[in-house]
Amino acid sequence: MVFAAWVLLAGLLTMVFAKVLERQHNPNQQVQINSRSDGFKEIVLRRNRLGHYVATGKINGTKVEFLLDTGATNVAIPLQVATNLRLKRGVPLTTYTANGIVQTYATTLDHVALGSISATGVSANINPHMTGNQILLGMSFLKQFELLQRGDQLTVRSGTMSDGG
């Protein structure tokens, strides 16, 4: 009976710490939305413990995890994630990444959403060399918005309330 109690306690602690670690990795699982009286939409993201902006968003209505990357020209999607999203591989491309030159495939995302801001017809690359489930949210999406970083927060602002969303 004592052994079973210890096993149960260990299981509960494991679940609690896993949740804590996930929140440290992605502190923006629920994106903070600021309503503005001037008609603009804003979201505020917090940096994670490694200094990156990681946030939960959607591609074509499916929940995904983004790593905001202003150094990436396009949105970059791991092959496995692209397969799950049923994205079509377009023409092969030579892509210059931080890890070297790789072959990727062009695709277009019908709808990308980060909190209350969104865009349609976003250029992306399917990258068979990326591992994991995290999508690099590059400038093909981010260039459409105003970015303001202060301290550990990044504010992303869109146009009028009727834009996107």
N, C-alpha and C. Protein backbone atom coordinates (compact mmCIF):
# COMPACT_ATOMS: atom_id res chain seq x y z
N MET A 1 0.81 -1.19 0.00
CA MET A 1 0.00 0.00 0.00
C MET A 1 0.86 1.26 0.00
N VAL A 2 1.93 1.25 0.81
CA VAL A 2 2.84 2.40 0.86
C VAL A 2 3.53 2.57 -0.49
N PHE A 3 3.92 1.44 -1.10
CA PHE A 3 4.58 1.49 -2.41
C PHE A 3 3.64 2.12 -3.45
N ALA A 4 2.37 1.71 -3.43
CA ALA A 4 1.39 2.26 -4.37
C ALA A 4 1.22 3.76 -4.16
N ALA A 5 1.24 4.22 -2.92
CA ALA A 5 1.12 5.65 -2.63
C ALA A 5 2.32 6.40 -3.18
N TRP A 6 3.53 5.85 -3.03
CA TRP A 6 4.73 6.49 -3.56
C TRP A 6 4.70 6.55 -5.09
N VAL A 7 4.24 5.49 -5.72
CA VAL A 7 4.14 5.46 -7.18
C VAL A 7 3.14 6.51 -7.65
N LEU A 8 2.00 6.61 -6.96
CA LEU A 8 1.00 7.61 -7.30
C LEU A 8 1.55 9.02 -7.12
N LEU A 9 2.25 9.26 -6.02
CA LEU A 9 2.85 10.56 -5.77
C LEU A 9 3.88 10.90 -6.84
N ALA A 10 4.71 9.94 -7.21
CA ALA A 10 5.72 10.16 -8.26
C ALA A 10 5.05 10.49 -9.59
N GLY A 11 3.97 9.81 -9.91
CA GLY A 11 3.23 10.08 -11.14
C GLY A 11 2.64 11.48 -11.15
N LEU A 12 2.06 11.89 -10.04
CA LEU A 12 1.48 13.24 -9.94
C LEU A 12 2.56 14.31 -10.06
N LEU A 13 3.68 14.11 -9.37
CA LEU A 13 4.77 15.07 -9.46
C LEU A 13 5.32 15.17 -10.89
N THR A 14 5.42 14.04 -11.56
CA THR A 14 5.88 14.03 -12.95
C THR A 14 4.95 14.85 -13.83
N MET A 15 3.64 14.70 -13.66
CA MET A 15 2.68 15.46 -14.45
C MET A 15 2.79 16.96 -14.15
N VAL A 16 2.92 17.32 -12.88
CA VAL A 16 3.02 18.72 -12.51
C VAL A 16 4.28 19.34 -13.10
N PHE A 17 5.43 18.68 -12.96
CA PHE A 17 6.67 19.23 -13.49
C PHE A 17 6.67 19.27 -15.01
N ALA A 18 6.03 18.33 -15.66
CA ALA A 18 5.94 18.35 -17.12
C ALA A 18 5.17 19.59 -17.57
N LYS A 19 4.08 19.92 -16.86
CA LYS A 19 3.30 21.12 -17.18
C LYS A 19 4.12 22.38 -16.98
N VAL A 20 4.89 22.43 -15.88
CA VAL A 20 5.73 23.59 -15.59
C VAL A 20 6.78 23.77 -16.69
N LEU A 21 7.42 22.68 -17.09
CA LEU A 21 8.43 22.75 -18.14
C LEU A 21 7.81 23.18 -19.48
N GLU A 22 6.62 22.69 -19.78
CA GLU A 22 5.95 23.08 -21.02
C GLU A 22 5.64 24.58 -21.00
N ARG A 23 5.18 25.12 -19.87
CA ARG A 23 4.90 26.56 -19.77
C ARG A 23 6.18 27.38 -19.89
N GLN A 24 7.30 26.85 -19.39
CA GLN A 24 8.57 27.55 -19.54
C GLN A 24 9.02 27.55 -21.00
N HIS A 25 8.77 26.45 -21.71
CA HIS A 25 9.13 26.35 -23.13
C HIS A 25 8.22 27.24 -23.98
N ASN A 26 6.92 27.20 -23.72
CA ASN A 26 5.94 27.98 -24.49
C ASN A 26 5.05 28.75 -23.53
N PRO A 27 5.50 29.94 -23.12
CA PRO A 27 4.69 30.74 -22.20
C PRO A 27 3.49 31.40 -22.88
N ASN A 28 3.34 31.19 -24.19
CA ASN A 28 2.28 31.83 -24.96
C ASN A 28 1.28 30.82 -25.51
N GLN A 29 0.94 29.84 -24.67
CA GLN A 29 -0.05 28.84 -25.10
C GLN A 29 -1.42 29.49 -25.27
N GLN A 30 -1.70 30.47 -24.46
CA GLN A 30 -2.89 31.32 -24.60
C GLN A 30 -2.37 32.72 -24.89
N VAL A 31 -2.42 33.15 -26.14
CA VAL A 31 -1.86 34.43 -26.54
C VAL A 31 -2.66 35.57 -25.93
N GLN A 32 -1.94 36.53 -25.32
CA GLN A 32 -2.57 37.71 -24.71
C GLN A 32 -2.97 38.68 -25.81
N ILE A 33 -4.25 39.03 -25.86
CA ILE A 33 -4.79 39.92 -26.88
C ILE A 33 -5.12 41.25 -26.24
N ASN A 34 -4.63 42.34 -26.84
CA ASN A 34 -4.95 43.68 -26.36
C ASN A 34 -5.95 44.32 -27.31
N SER A 35 -7.06 44.77 -26.77
CA SER A 35 -8.03 45.51 -27.56
C SER A 35 -7.62 46.97 -27.56
N ARG A 36 -7.63 47.59 -28.71
CA ARG A 36 -7.23 48.99 -28.82
C ARG A 36 -8.39 49.81 -29.35
N SER A 37 -8.50 51.02 -28.86
CA SER A 37 -9.59 51.90 -29.28
C SER A 37 -9.36 52.47 -30.68
N ASP A 38 -8.13 52.41 -31.19
CA ASP A 38 -7.83 52.98 -32.50
C ASP A 38 -8.07 52.01 -33.66
N GLY A 39 -8.64 50.84 -33.38
CA GLY A 39 -8.97 49.89 -34.44
C GLY A 39 -7.89 48.87 -34.76
N PHE A 40 -6.73 48.97 -34.12
CA PHE A 40 -5.67 48.00 -34.34
C PHE A 40 -5.86 46.79 -33.44
N LYS A 41 -5.35 45.66 -33.89
CA LYS A 41 -5.32 44.45 -33.07
C LYS A 41 -3.88 44.21 -32.65
N GLU A 42 -3.70 43.83 -31.40
CA GLU A 42 -2.36 43.55 -30.89
C GLU A 42 -2.37 42.26 -30.11
N ILE A 43 -1.25 41.56 -30.20
CA ILE A 43 -1.01 40.45 -29.29
C ILE A 43 0.33 40.71 -28.62
N VAL A 44 0.46 40.23 -27.41
CA VAL A 44 1.71 40.40 -26.66
C VAL A 44 2.24 39.02 -26.31
N LEU A 45 3.47 38.77 -26.72
CA LEU A 45 4.12 37.48 -26.46
C LEU A 45 5.23 37.68 -25.44
N ARG A 46 5.41 36.68 -24.60
CA ARG A 46 6.52 36.69 -23.62
C ARG A 46 7.60 35.74 -24.11
N ARG A 47 8.86 36.13 -23.85
CA ARG A 47 9.98 35.25 -24.19
C ARG A 47 9.98 34.04 -23.27
N ASN A 48 10.45 32.91 -23.80
CA ASN A 48 10.58 31.72 -22.95
C ASN A 48 11.90 31.78 -22.19
N ARG A 49 12.18 30.78 -21.41
CA ARG A 49 13.36 30.80 -20.55
C ARG A 49 14.67 30.79 -21.34
N LEU A 50 14.63 30.43 -22.63
CA LEU A 50 15.81 30.45 -23.49
C LEU A 50 15.92 31.75 -24.29
N GLY A 51 14.94 32.65 -24.11
CA GLY A 51 14.97 33.94 -24.81
C GLY A 51 14.27 33.95 -26.15
N HIS A 52 13.54 32.89 -26.47
CA HIS A 52 12.83 32.80 -27.75
C HIS A 52 11.35 33.12 -27.57
N TYR A 53 10.75 33.56 -28.67
CA TYR A 53 9.30 33.77 -28.66
C TYR A 53 8.64 32.55 -29.28
N VAL A 54 8.05 31.72 -28.45
CA VAL A 54 7.34 30.52 -28.87
C VAL A 54 5.87 30.75 -28.54
N ALA A 55 4.99 30.41 -29.47
CA ALA A 55 3.57 30.66 -29.26
C ALA A 55 2.73 29.61 -29.98
N THR A 56 1.58 29.34 -29.42
CA THR A 56 0.62 28.45 -30.05
C THR A 56 -0.21 29.27 -31.03
N GLY A 57 -0.41 28.73 -32.22
CA GLY A 57 -1.21 29.40 -33.24
C GLY A 57 -1.93 28.36 -34.08
N LYS A 58 -2.34 28.77 -35.28
CA LYS A 58 -3.05 27.85 -36.16
C LYS A 58 -2.60 28.03 -37.60
N ILE A 59 -2.53 26.91 -38.30
CA ILE A 59 -2.36 26.90 -39.75
C ILE A 59 -3.55 26.16 -40.33
N ASN A 60 -4.27 26.84 -41.21
CA ASN A 60 -5.46 26.26 -41.85
C ASN A 60 -6.41 25.66 -40.81
N GLY A 61 -6.53 26.33 -39.66
CA GLY A 61 -7.46 25.91 -38.62
C GLY A 61 -6.93 24.85 -37.66
N THR A 62 -5.72 24.35 -37.88
CA THR A 62 -5.14 23.32 -37.02
C THR A 62 -4.13 23.95 -36.07
N LYS A 63 -4.23 23.59 -34.81
CA LYS A 63 -3.35 24.13 -33.77
C LYS A 63 -1.92 23.65 -34.00
N VAL A 64 -0.96 24.61 -33.93
CA VAL A 64 0.45 24.32 -34.12
C VAL A 64 1.27 25.16 -33.14
N GLU A 65 2.57 24.84 -33.04
CA GLU A 65 3.47 25.64 -32.21
C GLU A 65 4.45 26.36 -33.10
N PHE A 66 4.52 27.69 -32.93
CA PHE A 66 5.41 28.53 -33.71
C PHE A 66 6.61 28.97 -32.89
N LEU A 67 7.75 29.10 -33.55
CA LEU A 67 8.91 29.80 -33.03
C LEU A 67 9.09 30.99 -33.96
N LEU A 68 8.89 32.21 -33.45
CA LEU A 68 9.01 33.39 -34.28
C LEU A 68 10.47 33.57 -34.67
N ASP A 69 10.71 33.73 -35.98
CA ASP A 69 12.08 33.79 -36.50
C ASP A 69 12.16 34.87 -37.57
N THR A 70 12.60 36.07 -37.16
CA THR A 70 12.71 37.19 -38.10
C THR A 70 13.87 36.98 -39.08
N GLY A 71 14.72 36.00 -38.83
CA GLY A 71 15.81 35.69 -39.75
C GLY A 71 15.42 34.71 -40.85
N ALA A 72 14.22 34.17 -40.76
CA ALA A 72 13.74 33.22 -41.78
C ALA A 72 12.91 33.98 -42.81
N THR A 73 13.22 33.81 -44.07
CA THR A 73 12.50 34.49 -45.14
C THR A 73 11.04 34.03 -45.19
N ASN A 74 10.84 32.73 -45.12
CA ASN A 74 9.49 32.15 -45.19
C ASN A 74 9.18 31.38 -43.93
N VAL A 75 7.93 31.01 -43.79
CA VAL A 75 7.52 30.07 -42.76
C VAL A 75 8.15 28.73 -43.14
N ALA A 76 8.79 28.05 -42.17
CA ALA A 76 9.43 26.77 -42.43
C ALA A 76 8.74 25.69 -41.61
N ILE A 77 8.31 24.63 -42.30
CA ILE A 77 7.50 23.59 -41.67
C ILE A 77 8.19 22.24 -41.80
N PRO A 78 8.38 21.53 -40.68
CA PRO A 78 8.94 20.17 -40.78
C PRO A 78 8.03 19.28 -41.63
N LEU A 79 8.63 18.34 -42.36
CA LEU A 79 7.88 17.46 -43.25
C LEU A 79 6.74 16.75 -42.53
N GLN A 80 7.00 16.22 -41.34
CA GLN A 80 5.96 15.47 -40.61
C GLN A 80 4.76 16.37 -40.28
N VAL A 81 5.03 17.60 -39.90
CA VAL A 81 3.94 18.54 -39.60
C VAL A 81 3.19 18.88 -40.88
N ALA A 82 3.93 19.10 -41.97
CA ALA A 82 3.29 19.39 -43.26
C ALA A 82 2.39 18.25 -43.71
N THR A 83 2.84 17.03 -43.47
CA THR A 83 2.04 15.85 -43.81
C THR A 83 0.75 15.84 -42.98
N ASN A 84 0.87 16.10 -41.68
CA ASN A 84 -0.30 16.14 -40.80
C ASN A 84 -1.27 17.25 -41.21
N LEU A 85 -0.73 18.36 -41.72
CA LEU A 85 -1.57 19.49 -42.16
C LEU A 85 -2.09 19.30 -43.58
N ARG A 86 -1.67 18.20 -44.22
CA ARG A 86 -2.06 17.88 -45.60
C ARG A 86 -1.66 18.97 -46.59
N LEU A 87 -0.46 19.51 -46.39
CA LEU A 87 0.06 20.54 -47.29
C LEU A 87 0.64 19.89 -48.54
N LYS A 88 0.46 20.55 -49.67
CA LYS A 88 0.97 20.04 -50.93
C LYS A 88 2.41 20.51 -51.13
N ARG A 89 3.27 19.57 -51.52
CA ARG A 89 4.65 19.92 -51.87
C ARG A 89 4.64 20.57 -53.24
N GLY A 90 5.23 21.73 -53.31
CA GLY A 90 5.37 22.41 -54.59
C GLY A 90 6.74 22.14 -55.19
N VAL A 91 7.23 23.11 -55.92
CA VAL A 91 8.52 22.96 -56.59
C VAL A 91 9.64 22.83 -55.56
N PRO A 92 10.65 22.03 -55.88
CA PRO A 92 11.80 21.93 -54.97
C PRO A 92 12.61 23.24 -55.00
N LEU A 93 13.13 23.62 -53.86
CA LEU A 93 13.91 24.85 -53.72
C LEU A 93 15.22 24.56 -53.01
N THR A 94 16.24 25.32 -53.35
CA THR A 94 17.48 25.28 -52.58
C THR A 94 17.35 26.37 -51.51
N THR A 95 17.47 25.97 -50.26
CA THR A 95 17.24 26.90 -49.15
C THR A 95 18.49 26.98 -48.29
N TYR A 96 18.85 28.21 -47.94
CA TYR A 96 20.01 28.45 -47.09
C TYR A 96 19.53 28.59 -45.65
N THR A 97 19.93 27.65 -44.80
CA THR A 97 19.50 27.65 -43.41
C THR A 97 20.71 27.83 -42.50
N ALA A 98 20.44 27.99 -41.22
CA ALA A 98 21.53 28.10 -40.24
C ALA A 98 22.37 26.82 -40.21
N ASN A 99 21.78 25.70 -40.64
CA ASN A 99 22.49 24.42 -40.64
C ASN A 99 23.06 24.06 -42.01
N GLY A 100 23.03 25.01 -42.94
CA GLY A 100 23.59 24.74 -44.26
C GLY A 100 22.54 24.80 -45.35
N ILE A 101 22.93 24.38 -46.53
CA ILE A 101 22.06 24.40 -47.70
C ILE A 101 21.27 23.10 -47.75
N VAL A 102 19.94 23.21 -47.89
CA VAL A 102 19.08 22.03 -47.94
C VAL A 102 18.05 22.21 -49.05
N GLN A 103 17.45 21.09 -49.46
CA GLN A 103 16.37 21.14 -50.43
C GLN A 103 15.05 21.15 -49.66
N THR A 104 14.20 22.13 -49.99
CA THR A 104 12.87 22.23 -49.40
C THR A 104 11.86 22.26 -50.54
N TYR A 105 10.59 22.36 -50.17
CA TYR A 105 9.53 22.40 -51.18
C TYR A 105 8.61 23.59 -50.89
N ALA A 106 8.31 24.34 -51.91
CA ALA A 106 7.44 25.50 -51.76
C ALA A 106 6.01 25.04 -51.49
N THR A 107 5.31 25.83 -50.69
CA THR A 107 3.89 25.61 -50.46
C THR A 107 3.28 26.95 -50.08
N THR A 108 1.97 27.03 -50.12
CA THR A 108 1.26 28.23 -49.70
C THR A 108 0.25 27.84 -48.64
N LEU A 109 0.25 28.60 -47.55
CA LEU A 109 -0.67 28.35 -46.45
C LEU A 109 -1.91 29.20 -46.64
N ASP A 110 -3.07 28.57 -46.67
CA ASP A 110 -4.31 29.30 -46.88
C ASP A 110 -4.54 30.32 -45.77
N HIS A 111 -4.30 29.92 -44.51
CA HIS A 111 -4.60 30.81 -43.38
C HIS A 111 -3.65 30.52 -42.23
N VAL A 112 -3.01 31.57 -41.74
CA VAL A 112 -2.12 31.47 -40.58
C VAL A 112 -2.64 32.44 -39.53
N ALA A 113 -2.78 31.96 -38.28
CA ALA A 113 -3.30 32.80 -37.20
C ALA A 113 -2.38 32.70 -35.99
N LEU A 114 -2.15 33.84 -35.39
CA LEU A 114 -1.41 33.95 -34.15
C LEU A 114 -2.26 34.84 -33.25
N GLY A 115 -2.99 34.19 -32.35
CA GLY A 115 -3.95 34.96 -31.55
C GLY A 115 -5.00 35.56 -32.46
N SER A 116 -5.22 36.86 -32.32
CA SER A 116 -6.26 37.53 -33.09
C SER A 116 -5.76 38.09 -34.42
N ILE A 117 -4.48 37.94 -34.72
CA ILE A 117 -3.99 38.42 -36.00
C ILE A 117 -3.80 37.24 -36.94
N SER A 118 -4.03 37.50 -38.21
CA SER A 118 -3.94 36.40 -39.17
C SER A 118 -3.61 36.94 -40.55
N ALA A 119 -3.24 36.03 -41.42
CA ALA A 119 -2.94 36.36 -42.81
C ALA A 119 -3.33 35.18 -43.68
N THR A 120 -3.61 35.47 -44.93
CA THR A 120 -3.96 34.43 -45.89
C THR A 120 -2.92 34.39 -47.00
N GLY A 121 -2.82 33.26 -47.66
CA GLY A 121 -1.90 33.11 -48.79
C GLY A 121 -0.45 33.32 -48.40
N VAL A 122 -0.02 32.71 -47.30
CA VAL A 122 1.33 32.90 -46.79
C VAL A 122 2.30 31.90 -47.42
N SER A 123 3.41 32.40 -47.97
CA SER A 123 4.44 31.54 -48.55
C SER A 123 5.14 30.75 -47.45
N ALA A 124 5.42 29.49 -47.74
CA ALA A 124 6.09 28.63 -46.75
C ALA A 124 6.95 27.62 -47.49
N ASN A 125 7.85 27.00 -46.72
CA ASN A 125 8.68 25.92 -47.22
C ASN A 125 8.46 24.69 -46.36
N ILE A 126 8.32 23.56 -47.00
CA ILE A 126 8.29 22.27 -46.30
C ILE A 126 9.73 21.79 -46.26
N ASN A 127 10.24 21.58 -45.04
CA ASN A 127 11.65 21.23 -44.88
C ASN A 127 11.78 19.81 -44.31
N PRO A 128 12.16 18.84 -45.16
CA PRO A 128 12.32 17.46 -44.69
C PRO A 128 13.46 17.27 -43.70
N HIS A 129 14.33 18.27 -43.57
CA HIS A 129 15.50 18.16 -42.70
C HIS A 129 15.23 18.69 -41.29
N MET A 130 14.09 19.33 -41.07
CA MET A 130 13.74 19.82 -39.74
C MET A 130 13.18 18.68 -38.91
N THR A 131 13.53 18.68 -37.63
CA THR A 131 12.99 17.67 -36.72
C THR A 131 12.03 18.34 -35.75
N GLY A 132 11.23 17.55 -35.11
CA GLY A 132 10.28 18.08 -34.14
C GLY A 132 9.02 18.61 -34.80
N ASN A 133 8.20 19.27 -33.98
CA ASN A 133 6.90 19.76 -34.45
C ASN A 133 6.81 21.27 -34.50
N GLN A 134 7.91 21.96 -34.19
CA GLN A 134 7.88 23.41 -34.13
C GLN A 134 8.05 24.01 -35.52
N ILE A 135 7.23 24.99 -35.82
CA ILE A 135 7.25 25.68 -37.11
C ILE A 135 7.94 27.02 -36.94
N LEU A 136 8.88 27.33 -37.84
CA LEU A 136 9.52 28.64 -37.81
C LEU A 136 8.60 29.63 -38.49
N LEU A 137 8.11 30.60 -37.73
CA LEU A 137 7.21 31.61 -38.26
C LEU A 137 8.06 32.75 -38.79
N GLY A 138 8.35 32.69 -40.08
CA GLY A 138 9.27 33.63 -40.71
C GLY A 138 8.60 34.87 -41.25
N MET A 139 9.40 35.63 -42.00
CA MET A 139 8.98 36.96 -42.45
C MET A 139 7.86 36.94 -43.49
N SER A 140 7.62 35.83 -44.17
CA SER A 140 6.50 35.80 -45.12
C SER A 140 5.18 36.04 -44.38
N PHE A 141 5.14 35.75 -43.09
CA PHE A 141 3.99 36.08 -42.24
C PHE A 141 4.24 37.38 -41.48
N LEU A 142 5.37 37.47 -40.80
CA LEU A 142 5.64 38.57 -39.88
C LEU A 142 5.76 39.94 -40.55
N LYS A 143 6.19 39.99 -41.82
CA LYS A 143 6.38 41.28 -42.50
C LYS A 143 5.08 42.06 -42.67
N GLN A 144 3.97 41.40 -42.48
CA GLN A 144 2.67 42.05 -42.64
C GLN A 144 2.23 42.81 -41.39
N PHE A 145 3.06 42.74 -40.33
CA PHE A 145 2.68 43.30 -39.05
C PHE A 145 3.80 44.16 -38.48
N GLU A 146 3.43 45.01 -37.56
CA GLU A 146 4.40 45.82 -36.84
C GLU A 146 4.88 45.03 -35.63
N LEU A 147 6.20 44.96 -35.42
CA LEU A 147 6.78 44.24 -34.30
C LEU A 147 7.47 45.24 -33.39
N LEU A 148 7.19 45.14 -32.10
CA LEU A 148 7.82 46.02 -31.11
C LEU A 148 8.27 45.19 -29.93
N GLN A 149 9.59 45.16 -29.71
CA GLN A 149 10.12 44.39 -28.59
C GLN A 149 10.54 45.34 -27.48
N ARG A 150 10.08 45.05 -26.27
CA ARG A 150 10.47 45.79 -25.07
C ARG A 150 10.69 44.78 -23.97
N GLY A 151 11.90 44.77 -23.44
CA GLY A 151 12.20 43.83 -22.36
C GLY A 151 11.98 42.40 -22.82
N ASP A 152 11.17 41.67 -22.08
CA ASP A 152 10.88 40.27 -22.40
C ASP A 152 9.57 40.09 -23.15
N GLN A 153 9.06 41.17 -23.74
CA GLN A 153 7.78 41.08 -24.45
C GLN A 153 7.92 41.55 -25.89
N LEU A 154 7.18 40.88 -26.77
CA LEU A 154 7.10 41.26 -28.17
C LEU A 154 5.64 41.55 -28.47
N THR A 155 5.37 42.77 -28.95
CA THR A 155 4.03 43.15 -29.35
C THR A 155 3.95 43.05 -30.87
N VAL A 156 2.92 42.35 -31.35
CA VAL A 156 2.67 42.19 -32.77
C VAL A 156 1.37 42.89 -33.05
N ARG A 157 1.40 43.89 -33.95
CA ARG A 157 0.21 44.70 -34.22
C ARG A 157 -0.19 44.58 -35.68
N SER A 158 -1.49 44.39 -35.90
CA SER A 158 -2.03 44.34 -37.26
C SER A 158 -2.73 45.64 -37.59
N GLY A 159 -3.32 45.70 -38.77
CA GLY A 159 -4.06 46.88 -39.21
C GLY A 159 -5.39 47.01 -38.50
N THR A 160 -6.43 47.41 -39.22
CA THR A 160 -7.71 47.67 -38.59
C THR A 160 -8.39 46.40 -38.14
N MET A 161 -9.40 46.56 -37.30
CA MET A 161 -10.13 45.41 -36.73
C MET A 161 -10.75 44.54 -37.81
N SER A 162 -10.99 45.08 -38.99
CA SER A 162 -11.60 44.27 -40.04
C SER A 162 -10.58 43.41 -40.78
N ASP A 163 -9.28 43.64 -40.55
CA ASP A 163 -8.23 42.85 -41.20
C ASP A 163 -8.15 41.47 -40.58
N GLY A 164 -7.91 40.46 -41.42
CA GLY A 164 -7.62 39.09 -40.94
C GLY A 164 -8.63 38.59 -39.97
N GLY A 165 -8.13 37.75 -39.06
CA GLY A 165 -8.79 37.29 -37.97
C GLY A 165 -9.90 36.56 -37.67
